[in-house]
């Protein structure tokens, strides 16, 4: 897994990005990690710079990219 950056959010704990594979990992406070495929670097830059990381996740990431789940639960 990528190095993770902790964030201040009510639902997201951290995220990490691998620019080589274009994989974005988003870890939620409940511990589940979602791995999003083929996420462009500019989208990740916008996501990481957002005032509200949770809103940015909803607007930019959720439902936009194919993903897989680590640690079990269904996608939020």
Protein backbone atom coordinates (compact mmCIF):
# COMPACT_ATOMS: atom_id res chain seq x y z
CA UNK A 1 0.00 0.00 0.00
CA UNK A 2 1.05 3.59 -0.56
CA UNK A 3 2.31 5.88 2.19
CA UNK A 4 -0.77 7.38 3.78
CA UNK A 5 -1.36 11.03 4.66
CA UNK A 6 -3.63 11.64 7.65
CA UNK A 7 -6.42 14.18 7.11
CA UNK A 8 -8.92 16.06 9.24
CA UNK A 9 -12.35 14.74 8.33
CA UNK A 10 -15.35 13.27 10.08
CA UNK A 11 -15.28 10.15 7.88
CA UNK A 12 -11.89 9.89 6.15
CA UNK A 13 -8.77 9.07 8.18
CA UNK A 14 -6.07 9.12 5.48
CA UNK A 15 -5.28 8.77 1.80
CA UNK A 16 -2.31 7.74 -0.31
CA UNK A 17 -1.52 7.92 -4.02
CA UNK A 18 0.80 5.91 -6.21
CA UNK A 19 1.47 7.98 -9.36
CA UNK A 20 3.06 5.02 -11.15
CA UNK A 21 -0.08 2.88 -10.95
CA UNK A 22 -2.49 5.84 -10.59
CA UNK A 23 -4.01 4.13 -7.55
CA UNK A 24 -5.63 6.25 -4.84
CA UNK A 25 -6.12 4.61 -1.45
CA UNK A 26 -8.72 6.17 0.84
CA UNK A 27 -8.91 4.92 4.42
CA UNK A 28 -12.09 5.63 6.32
CA UNK A 29 -12.24 6.11 10.07
CA UNK A 30 -13.97 2.75 10.45
CA UNK A 31 -10.75 1.19 9.10
CA UNK A 32 -11.83 0.14 5.62
CA UNK A 33 -9.56 1.09 2.72
CA UNK A 34 -10.79 1.63 -0.83
CA UNK A 35 -8.34 1.42 -3.70
CA UNK A 36 -9.41 3.51 -6.69
CA UNK A 37 -7.87 2.70 -10.08
CA UNK A 38 -6.69 5.03 -12.86
CA UNK A 39 -7.13 8.25 -10.88
CA UNK A 40 -5.30 11.13 -12.61
CA UNK A 41 -2.73 13.07 -10.58
CA UNK A 42 -4.59 16.35 -11.12
CA UNK A 43 -7.74 14.89 -9.53
CA UNK A 44 -5.71 13.73 -6.54
CA UNK A 45 -4.12 17.19 -6.25
CA UNK A 46 -7.57 18.81 -6.22
CA UNK A 47 -8.83 16.23 -3.70
CA UNK A 48 -5.87 16.72 -1.35
CA UNK A 49 -6.04 20.54 -1.51
CA UNK A 50 -9.78 20.76 -0.80
CA UNK A 51 -11.10 22.61 2.25
CA UNK A 52 -13.40 19.64 2.92
CA UNK A 53 -11.77 16.32 2.11
CA UNK A 54 -15.09 14.50 2.61
CA UNK A 55 -16.93 16.73 0.14
CA UNK A 56 -14.04 16.45 -2.32
CA UNK A 57 -14.19 12.66 -2.01
CA UNK A 58 -17.92 12.73 -2.80
CA UNK A 59 -17.54 15.19 -5.68
CA UNK A 60 -14.33 13.91 -7.28
CA UNK A 61 -13.79 10.25 -6.38
CA UNK A 62 -16.87 8.37 -5.19
CA UNK A 63 -18.62 6.62 -8.06
CA UNK A 64 -16.13 7.95 -10.62
CA UNK A 65 -13.46 5.23 -10.65
CA UNK A 66 -13.35 1.47 -10.53
CA UNK A 67 -12.31 0.35 -7.06
CA UNK A 68 -11.71 -2.56 -4.79
CA UNK A 69 -12.18 -2.82 -1.05
CA UNK A 70 -9.60 -3.92 1.48
CA UNK A 71 -10.83 -5.11 4.87
CA UNK A 72 -14.29 -6.08 3.77
CA UNK A 73 -17.29 -3.72 3.90
CA UNK A 74 -19.24 -2.56 0.83
CA UNK A 75 -18.36 0.80 -0.73
CA UNK A 76 -19.76 3.91 0.97
